[in-house]
Each structure stands twice: as C-alpha cells, then as structure tokens.
Amino acid sequence: MTNSEDFDLQAFLPYLLNQAAEEASLGFQKVYKDRYGLLRSEWRVLFHLGIFGRLTATEIGAKGKVHKTKVSRAVQRLADRRLVQRARSEEDRRVEWLELTPAGEKVYRDLRDVAQEYEGSLQAQLSEDEVRVLKSLLSKLAGRF
C-alpha cells in the first residue's frame, strides 16, 4: 500500500474547509486589498468595530478568533490610516477602547455592501436549502473549536 492510499488529503475535512474558505475569500480579498489596501486581519477588525461598535482588541480577538498579535498589528495600521481611533479607559488604564472614525465608518459601509453582494454571488451557486444547511453545519463546526 502506498502513502497516497493511506490518506486521502482531498477528502480530509479540515483540508476541504480550508480550500473552500480560501476560494470563497479570493473575490472579496480583491476588493478590500485593491480598493483600500487592507490585509485580511484589518478588514476583520474593521468589520467587528462596524458591527459591534466600541470594543477592545482582546474582545475583537475573542469574537473573531484572531491571534492578539495580528489584531494588535491590524489596529496599529488602521489607526495610522485614521480609520480607527483609540481611547484609554478611565477606569483601567491598561484597557484601550477602539472605534471607527468617520473615515473608517465609510470604508466599513462600502465593504459591507460589497461583502453582501459577494455573498449573494456565492449563494447563487447553491440552492436555498443547500445554503441553509451549509451555514448551519459551518456554524456548528465553528462553535466547537
């Protein structure tokens, strides 16, 4: 028996999930990268602040399952570009609150609209039942890890 018969990488669920995620992300990446020069971690920070409002970097990392170093770098780049503003907590000086600036809000709204259109184009490849089942299964898997 050869090694290729021992393990089918193409059928390995984590591999399939990663391949699907990468393929699904490429079209949206083109927009946030080409239009705004953002990295993946930056658009994710931007969206968390756009959706949830004022958060700490720790909260963003926990909600988005993004490593604190990546969040920190993304926040710094977004702050340098004046898309995010920082404010130290009055109660605990170790805590830094983050929120979108008006420019950040504008970028978020634009990318949110593009994301919704892009999701629609992905979903158009599937039936309504397939979309429902896929989202349910992915949510279930995401909740376990």
N, C-alpha and C. Protein backbone atom coordinates (compact mmCIF):
# COMPACT_ATOMS: atom_id res chain seq x y z
N MET A 1 0.85 -1.19 0.00
CA MET A 1 0.00 0.00 0.00
C MET A 1 0.89 1.24 0.00
N THR A 2 0.62 2.17 -0.90
CA THR A 2 1.42 3.40 -0.97
C THR A 2 0.84 4.43 -0.01
N ASN A 3 1.64 5.45 0.26
CA ASN A 3 1.19 6.52 1.15
C ASN A 3 -0.06 7.21 0.64
N SER A 4 -0.20 7.35 -0.67
CA SER A 4 -1.37 8.03 -1.23
C SER A 4 -2.65 7.25 -0.95
N GLU A 5 -2.54 5.93 -0.75
CA GLU A 5 -3.71 5.13 -0.45
C GLU A 5 -4.05 5.16 1.04
N ASP A 6 -3.08 5.51 1.86
CA ASP A 6 -3.29 5.56 3.30
C ASP A 6 -4.16 6.74 3.74
N PHE A 7 -4.02 7.82 3.02
CA PHE A 7 -4.69 9.04 3.46
C PHE A 7 -5.09 9.87 2.25
N ASP A 8 -6.36 10.19 2.16
CA ASP A 8 -6.86 10.99 1.03
C ASP A 8 -6.98 12.44 1.48
N LEU A 9 -5.94 13.20 1.17
CA LEU A 9 -5.92 14.61 1.56
C LEU A 9 -7.10 15.38 0.97
N GLN A 10 -7.47 15.06 -0.25
CA GLN A 10 -8.56 15.78 -0.92
C GLN A 10 -9.91 15.58 -0.22
N ALA A 11 -10.05 14.52 0.57
CA ALA A 11 -11.29 14.24 1.29
C ALA A 11 -11.19 14.58 2.78
N PHE A 12 -10.02 15.04 3.22
CA PHE A 12 -9.80 15.38 4.63
C PHE A 12 -10.57 16.66 4.95
N LEU A 13 -11.50 16.58 5.87
CA LEU A 13 -12.42 17.69 6.13
C LEU A 13 -11.71 19.02 6.43
N PRO A 14 -10.72 19.07 7.32
CA PRO A 14 -10.04 20.36 7.53
C PRO A 14 -9.42 20.93 6.25
N TYR A 15 -8.89 20.06 5.41
CA TYR A 15 -8.31 20.50 4.15
C TYR A 15 -9.40 21.05 3.23
N LEU A 16 -10.51 20.34 3.12
CA LEU A 16 -11.63 20.80 2.29
C LEU A 16 -12.17 22.14 2.78
N LEU A 17 -12.32 22.27 4.10
CA LEU A 17 -12.82 23.53 4.66
C LEU A 17 -11.87 24.68 4.34
N ASN A 18 -10.57 24.43 4.47
CA ASN A 18 -9.59 25.46 4.16
C ASN A 18 -9.62 25.82 2.68
N GLN A 19 -9.70 24.83 1.82
CA GLN A 19 -9.75 25.10 0.38
C GLN A 19 -11.00 25.91 0.02
N ALA A 20 -12.13 25.54 0.59
CA ALA A 20 -13.37 26.27 0.32
C ALA A 20 -13.28 27.70 0.84
N ALA A 21 -12.72 27.86 2.03
CA ALA A 21 -12.58 29.20 2.61
C ALA A 21 -11.66 30.07 1.76
N GLU A 22 -10.55 29.52 1.34
CA GLU A 22 -9.61 30.29 0.51
C GLU A 22 -10.25 30.68 -0.81
N GLU A 23 -10.92 29.74 -1.45
CA GLU A 23 -11.56 30.03 -2.73
C GLU A 23 -12.66 31.08 -2.56
N ALA A 24 -13.45 30.94 -1.53
CA ALA A 24 -14.54 31.89 -1.29
C ALA A 24 -14.01 33.27 -0.93
N SER A 25 -12.84 33.33 -0.32
CA SER A 25 -12.28 34.62 0.12
C SER A 25 -11.61 35.41 -0.99
N LEU A 26 -11.18 34.75 -2.04
CA LEU A 26 -10.38 35.41 -3.07
C LEU A 26 -11.07 36.62 -3.71
N GLY A 27 -12.33 36.47 -4.06
CA GLY A 27 -13.04 37.58 -4.71
C GLY A 27 -13.20 38.78 -3.79
N PHE A 28 -13.53 38.53 -2.55
CA PHE A 28 -13.68 39.63 -1.60
C PHE A 28 -12.34 40.24 -1.27
N GLN A 29 -11.30 39.41 -1.20
CA GLN A 29 -9.95 39.91 -0.91
C GLN A 29 -9.53 40.93 -1.98
N LYS A 30 -9.88 40.66 -3.21
CA LYS A 30 -9.52 41.57 -4.30
C LYS A 30 -10.09 42.96 -4.02
N VAL A 31 -11.29 43.04 -3.48
CA VAL A 31 -11.91 44.34 -3.22
C VAL A 31 -11.23 45.05 -2.06
N TYR A 32 -11.15 44.40 -0.90
CA TYR A 32 -10.59 45.11 0.25
C TYR A 32 -9.11 45.40 0.09
N LYS A 33 -8.40 44.56 -0.66
CA LYS A 33 -6.98 44.80 -0.88
C LYS A 33 -6.75 45.86 -1.95
N ASP A 34 -7.42 45.71 -3.09
CA ASP A 34 -7.21 46.65 -4.19
C ASP A 34 -7.82 48.03 -3.92
N ARG A 35 -9.01 48.05 -3.34
CA ARG A 35 -9.69 49.33 -3.14
C ARG A 35 -9.14 50.10 -1.95
N TYR A 36 -8.80 49.37 -0.88
CA TYR A 36 -8.40 50.06 0.36
C TYR A 36 -7.02 49.66 0.88
N GLY A 37 -6.36 48.73 0.23
CA GLY A 37 -5.04 48.31 0.68
C GLY A 37 -5.04 47.62 2.03
N LEU A 38 -6.14 46.96 2.35
CA LEU A 38 -6.27 46.30 3.65
C LEU A 38 -5.79 44.85 3.58
N LEU A 39 -5.30 44.38 4.70
CA LEU A 39 -4.98 42.97 4.88
C LEU A 39 -6.19 42.26 5.47
N ARG A 40 -6.19 40.94 5.45
CA ARG A 40 -7.32 40.16 5.98
C ARG A 40 -7.62 40.51 7.43
N SER A 41 -6.59 40.59 8.27
CA SER A 41 -6.82 40.91 9.68
C SER A 41 -7.38 42.32 9.85
N GLU A 42 -7.01 43.23 8.98
CA GLU A 42 -7.50 44.61 9.07
C GLU A 42 -8.98 44.71 8.71
N TRP A 43 -9.41 44.03 7.66
CA TRP A 43 -10.83 44.13 7.34
C TRP A 43 -11.66 43.44 8.41
N ARG A 44 -11.11 42.41 9.03
CA ARG A 44 -11.85 41.72 10.09
C ARG A 44 -12.00 42.62 11.32
N VAL A 45 -10.94 43.34 11.68
CA VAL A 45 -11.03 44.30 12.79
C VAL A 45 -12.04 45.38 12.43
N LEU A 46 -11.94 45.90 11.22
CA LEU A 46 -12.85 46.94 10.75
C LEU A 46 -14.31 46.49 10.85
N PHE A 47 -14.58 45.26 10.42
CA PHE A 47 -15.96 44.75 10.45
C PHE A 47 -16.45 44.52 11.87
N HIS A 48 -15.59 44.04 12.74
CA HIS A 48 -16.02 43.85 14.14
C HIS A 48 -16.40 45.19 14.76
N LEU A 49 -15.62 46.21 14.50
CA LEU A 49 -15.95 47.53 15.06
C LEU A 49 -17.18 48.11 14.37
N GLY A 50 -17.34 47.86 13.08
CA GLY A 50 -18.51 48.36 12.36
C GLY A 50 -19.79 47.70 12.83
N ILE A 51 -19.71 46.43 13.17
CA ILE A 51 -20.90 45.67 13.59
C ILE A 51 -21.20 45.87 15.07
N PHE A 52 -20.18 45.76 15.91
CA PHE A 52 -20.38 45.75 17.36
C PHE A 52 -20.13 47.10 18.03
N GLY A 53 -19.53 48.04 17.30
CA GLY A 53 -19.21 49.33 17.92
C GLY A 53 -17.94 49.24 18.75
N ARG A 54 -17.85 50.03 19.76
CA ARG A 54 -16.64 50.15 20.58
C ARG A 54 -16.28 48.82 21.23
N LEU A 55 -15.04 48.37 20.99
CA LEU A 55 -14.52 47.12 21.54
C LEU A 55 -13.06 47.30 21.93
N THR A 56 -12.55 46.36 22.70
CA THR A 56 -11.12 46.30 22.96
C THR A 56 -10.50 45.32 21.95
N ALA A 57 -9.19 45.38 21.81
CA ALA A 57 -8.51 44.44 20.92
C ALA A 57 -8.72 43.00 21.40
N THR A 58 -8.73 42.82 22.71
CA THR A 58 -8.96 41.49 23.27
C THR A 58 -10.33 40.96 22.87
N GLU A 59 -11.34 41.82 22.92
CA GLU A 59 -12.69 41.40 22.53
C GLU A 59 -12.76 41.05 21.04
N ILE A 60 -12.07 41.84 20.22
CA ILE A 60 -12.06 41.55 18.79
C ILE A 60 -11.40 40.21 18.54
N GLY A 61 -10.28 39.96 19.20
CA GLY A 61 -9.58 38.69 19.04
C GLY A 61 -10.45 37.51 19.43
N ALA A 62 -11.17 37.66 20.53
CA ALA A 62 -12.04 36.58 21.00
C ALA A 62 -13.21 36.35 20.06
N LYS A 63 -13.86 37.43 19.63
CA LYS A 63 -15.01 37.30 18.73
C LYS A 63 -14.61 36.75 17.37
N GLY A 64 -13.46 37.22 16.87
CA GLY A 64 -13.04 36.84 15.53
C GLY A 64 -12.09 35.67 15.47
N LYS A 65 -11.73 35.14 16.63
CA LYS A 65 -10.76 34.05 16.71
C LYS A 65 -9.48 34.41 15.94
N VAL A 66 -8.99 35.62 16.24
CA VAL A 66 -7.78 36.14 15.62
C VAL A 66 -6.74 36.31 16.72
N HIS A 67 -5.51 35.88 16.46
CA HIS A 67 -4.45 35.97 17.45
C HIS A 67 -4.21 37.43 17.82
N LYS A 68 -3.92 37.68 19.10
CA LYS A 68 -3.78 39.04 19.61
C LYS A 68 -2.70 39.83 18.89
N THR A 69 -1.64 39.17 18.43
CA THR A 69 -0.59 39.88 17.70
C THR A 69 -1.11 40.41 16.37
N LYS A 70 -1.91 39.60 15.68
CA LYS A 70 -2.49 40.05 14.41
C LYS A 70 -3.47 41.18 14.62
N VAL A 71 -4.27 41.09 15.69
CA VAL A 71 -5.21 42.17 16.00
C VAL A 71 -4.44 43.45 16.30
N SER A 72 -3.41 43.34 17.11
CA SER A 72 -2.62 44.50 17.50
C SER A 72 -2.00 45.18 16.28
N ARG A 73 -1.43 44.40 15.39
CA ARG A 73 -0.83 44.97 14.17
C ARG A 73 -1.89 45.61 13.29
N ALA A 74 -3.02 44.94 13.16
CA ALA A 74 -4.11 45.47 12.34
C ALA A 74 -4.62 46.79 12.91
N VAL A 75 -4.80 46.84 14.22
CA VAL A 75 -5.27 48.06 14.88
C VAL A 75 -4.27 49.20 14.64
N GLN A 76 -2.99 48.90 14.78
CA GLN A 76 -1.97 49.92 14.57
C GLN A 76 -2.03 50.48 13.15
N ARG A 77 -2.13 49.60 12.16
CA ARG A 77 -2.19 50.05 10.76
C ARG A 77 -3.47 50.85 10.50
N LEU A 78 -4.58 50.39 11.05
CA LEU A 78 -5.85 51.12 10.86
C LEU A 78 -5.81 52.47 11.56
N ALA A 79 -5.19 52.53 12.72
CA ALA A 79 -5.05 53.80 13.44
C ALA A 79 -4.13 54.74 12.67
N ASP A 80 -3.05 54.22 12.13
CA ASP A 80 -2.13 55.04 11.34
C ASP A 80 -2.83 55.64 10.12
N ARG A 81 -3.79 54.91 9.59
CA ARG A 81 -4.54 55.38 8.42
C ARG A 81 -5.78 56.19 8.82
N ARG A 82 -5.94 56.39 10.11
CA ARG A 82 -7.05 57.16 10.67
C ARG A 82 -8.42 56.55 10.36
N LEU A 83 -8.46 55.22 10.37
CA LEU A 83 -9.73 54.50 10.20
C LEU A 83 -10.26 54.04 11.55
N VAL A 84 -9.37 53.94 12.53
CA VAL A 84 -9.72 53.53 13.89
C VAL A 84 -9.12 54.54 14.86
N GLN A 85 -9.89 54.85 15.90
CA GLN A 85 -9.36 55.70 16.97
C GLN A 85 -9.31 54.90 18.26
N ARG A 86 -8.32 55.26 19.08
CA ARG A 86 -8.08 54.57 20.35
C ARG A 86 -8.34 55.54 21.48
N ALA A 87 -8.84 54.97 22.59
CA ALA A 87 -9.05 55.79 23.79
C ALA A 87 -8.79 54.92 25.01
N ARG A 88 -7.94 55.38 25.90
CA ARG A 88 -7.66 54.64 27.15
C ARG A 88 -8.89 54.70 28.05
N SER A 89 -9.14 53.60 28.70
CA SER A 89 -10.25 53.53 29.65
C SER A 89 -9.93 54.39 30.87
N GLU A 90 -10.91 55.11 31.34
CA GLU A 90 -10.74 55.93 32.55
C GLU A 90 -10.66 55.04 33.79
N GLU A 91 -11.37 53.91 33.76
CA GLU A 91 -11.41 53.00 34.90
C GLU A 91 -10.17 52.13 35.02
N ASP A 92 -9.63 51.71 33.87
CA ASP A 92 -8.48 50.81 33.86
C ASP A 92 -7.55 51.24 32.74
N ARG A 93 -6.45 51.86 33.08
CA ARG A 93 -5.53 52.43 32.09
C ARG A 93 -4.88 51.36 31.19
N ARG A 94 -5.00 50.10 31.56
CA ARG A 94 -4.46 49.03 30.72
C ARG A 94 -5.39 48.73 29.55
N VAL A 95 -6.63 49.17 29.64
CA VAL A 95 -7.64 48.88 28.61
C VAL A 95 -7.69 50.03 27.61
N GLU A 96 -7.70 49.66 26.34
CA GLU A 96 -7.79 50.64 25.26
C GLU A 96 -9.04 50.33 24.43
N TRP A 97 -9.94 51.30 24.38
CA TRP A 97 -11.16 51.15 23.60
C TRP A 97 -10.88 51.56 22.16
N LEU A 98 -11.47 50.82 21.23
CA LEU A 98 -11.30 51.08 19.81
C LEU A 98 -12.65 51.36 19.18
N GLU A 99 -12.67 52.31 18.28
CA GLU A 99 -13.87 52.53 17.49
C GLU A 99 -13.51 53.13 16.14
N LEU A 100 -14.42 52.99 15.20
CA LEU A 100 -14.17 53.51 13.87
C LEU A 100 -14.26 55.03 13.86
N THR A 101 -13.41 55.65 13.06
CA THR A 101 -13.51 57.08 12.80
C THR A 101 -14.57 57.26 11.72
N PRO A 102 -14.96 58.48 11.41
CA PRO A 102 -15.89 58.67 10.28
C PRO A 102 -15.35 58.08 8.97
N ALA A 103 -14.06 58.20 8.73
CA ALA A 103 -13.46 57.60 7.53
C ALA A 103 -13.55 56.07 7.61
N GLY A 104 -13.32 55.51 8.79
CA GLY A 104 -13.44 54.08 8.98
C GLY A 104 -14.86 53.59 8.77
N GLU A 105 -15.82 54.38 9.24
CA GLU A 105 -17.24 54.05 9.02
C GLU A 105 -17.55 53.99 7.53
N LYS A 106 -17.01 54.94 6.79
CA LYS A 106 -17.27 54.99 5.34
C LYS A 106 -16.69 53.75 4.66
N VAL A 107 -15.46 53.39 5.00
CA VAL A 107 -14.83 52.20 4.43
C VAL A 107 -15.63 50.96 4.82
N TYR A 108 -16.02 50.87 6.08
CA TYR A 108 -16.81 49.72 6.55
C TYR A 108 -18.10 49.59 5.77
N ARG A 109 -18.85 50.69 5.62
CA ARG A 109 -20.14 50.63 4.91
C ARG A 109 -19.96 50.18 3.46
N ASP A 110 -18.92 50.71 2.81
CA ASP A 110 -18.66 50.32 1.44
C ASP A 110 -18.34 48.83 1.34
N LEU A 111 -17.41 48.38 2.19
CA LEU A 111 -17.03 46.97 2.15
C LEU A 111 -18.16 46.05 2.59
N ARG A 112 -18.99 46.51 3.51
CA ARG A 112 -20.15 45.70 3.93
C ARG A 112 -21.08 45.48 2.76
N ASP A 113 -21.32 46.54 1.97
CA ASP A 113 -22.19 46.40 0.80
C ASP A 113 -21.58 45.43 -0.22
N VAL A 114 -20.28 45.53 -0.44
CA VAL A 114 -19.60 44.63 -1.36
C VAL A 114 -19.66 43.19 -0.83
N ALA A 115 -19.46 43.04 0.48
CA ALA A 115 -19.49 41.70 1.10
C ALA A 115 -20.87 41.06 0.92
N GLN A 116 -21.92 41.85 1.08
CA GLN A 116 -23.27 41.32 0.92
C GLN A 116 -23.52 40.89 -0.53
N GLU A 117 -23.05 41.70 -1.47
CA GLU A 117 -23.20 41.33 -2.89
C GLU A 117 -22.39 40.08 -3.20
N TYR A 118 -21.18 40.02 -2.67
CA TYR A 118 -20.31 38.87 -2.92
C TYR A 118 -20.90 37.60 -2.32
N GLU A 119 -21.43 37.71 -1.12
CA GLU A 119 -22.07 36.54 -0.51
C GLU A 119 -23.24 36.08 -1.37
N GLY A 120 -23.98 37.02 -1.91
CA GLY A 120 -25.09 36.67 -2.79
C GLY A 120 -24.63 35.90 -4.02
N SER A 121 -23.49 36.30 -4.58
CA SER A 121 -22.98 35.59 -5.76
C SER A 121 -22.51 34.18 -5.39
N LEU A 122 -21.95 34.02 -4.21
CA LEU A 122 -21.57 32.67 -3.75
C LEU A 122 -22.81 31.81 -3.52
N GLN A 123 -23.80 32.39 -2.88
CA GLN A 123 -25.01 31.64 -2.57
C GLN A 123 -25.79 31.28 -3.83
N ALA A 124 -25.64 32.08 -4.88
CA ALA A 124 -26.37 31.81 -6.12
C ALA A 124 -25.93 30.49 -6.75
N GLN A 125 -24.78 29.98 -6.34
CA GLN A 125 -24.28 28.70 -6.86
C GLN A 125 -24.95 27.51 -6.18
N LEU A 126 -25.69 27.78 -5.11
CA LEU A 126 -26.32 26.73 -4.32
C LEU A 126 -27.82 26.97 -4.25
N SER A 127 -28.55 25.92 -3.90
CA SER A 127 -29.99 26.09 -3.69
C SER A 127 -30.20 26.74 -2.31
N GLU A 128 -31.39 27.24 -2.07
CA GLU A 128 -31.70 27.83 -0.76
C GLU A 128 -31.50 26.81 0.36
N ASP A 129 -31.92 25.58 0.13
CA ASP A 129 -31.73 24.53 1.13
C ASP A 129 -30.25 24.26 1.38
N GLU A 130 -29.46 24.22 0.32
CA GLU A 130 -28.02 23.99 0.48
C GLU A 130 -27.36 25.11 1.28
N VAL A 131 -27.76 26.34 1.00
CA VAL A 131 -27.20 27.48 1.75
C VAL A 131 -27.55 27.35 3.22
N ARG A 132 -28.81 27.04 3.49
CA ARG A 132 -29.26 26.90 4.89
C ARG A 132 -28.49 25.81 5.60
N VAL A 133 -28.37 24.64 4.97
CA VAL A 133 -27.66 23.51 5.58
C VAL A 133 -26.18 23.83 5.74
N LEU A 134 -25.57 24.40 4.71
CA LEU A 134 -24.15 24.74 4.78
C LEU A 134 -23.87 25.71 5.92
N LYS A 135 -24.66 26.77 6.02
CA LYS A 135 -24.45 27.74 7.10
C LYS A 135 -24.66 27.10 8.47
N SER A 136 -25.64 26.25 8.57
CA SER A 136 -25.91 25.57 9.84
C SER A 136 -24.75 24.66 10.23
N LEU A 137 -24.25 23.89 9.29
CA LEU A 137 -23.14 22.98 9.58
C LEU A 137 -21.85 23.73 9.90
N LEU A 138 -21.57 24.77 9.13
CA LEU A 138 -20.36 25.55 9.41
C LEU A 138 -20.44 26.24 10.76
N SER A 139 -21.61 26.75 11.10
CA SER A 139 -21.80 27.37 12.42
C SER A 139 -21.59 26.35 13.53
N LYS A 140 -22.08 25.16 13.31
CA LYS A 140 -21.92 24.10 14.30
C LYS A 140 -20.45 23.76 14.49
N LEU A 141 -19.71 23.60 13.38
CA LEU A 141 -18.29 23.29 13.48
C LEU A 141 -17.51 24.45 14.11
N ALA A 142 -17.83 25.66 13.74
CA ALA A 142 -17.13 26.84 14.28
C ALA A 142 -17.35 26.98 15.78
N GLY A 143 -18.50 26.56 16.27
CA GLY A 143 -18.80 26.66 17.69
C GLY A 143 -18.05 25.66 18.54
N ARG A 144 -17.55 24.62 17.94
CA ARG A 144 -16.84 23.58 18.69
C ARG A 144 -15.38 23.93 18.95
N PHE A 145 -14.82 24.75 18.14
CA PHE A 145 -13.38 24.99 18.23
C PHE A 145 -13.06 26.29 18.85
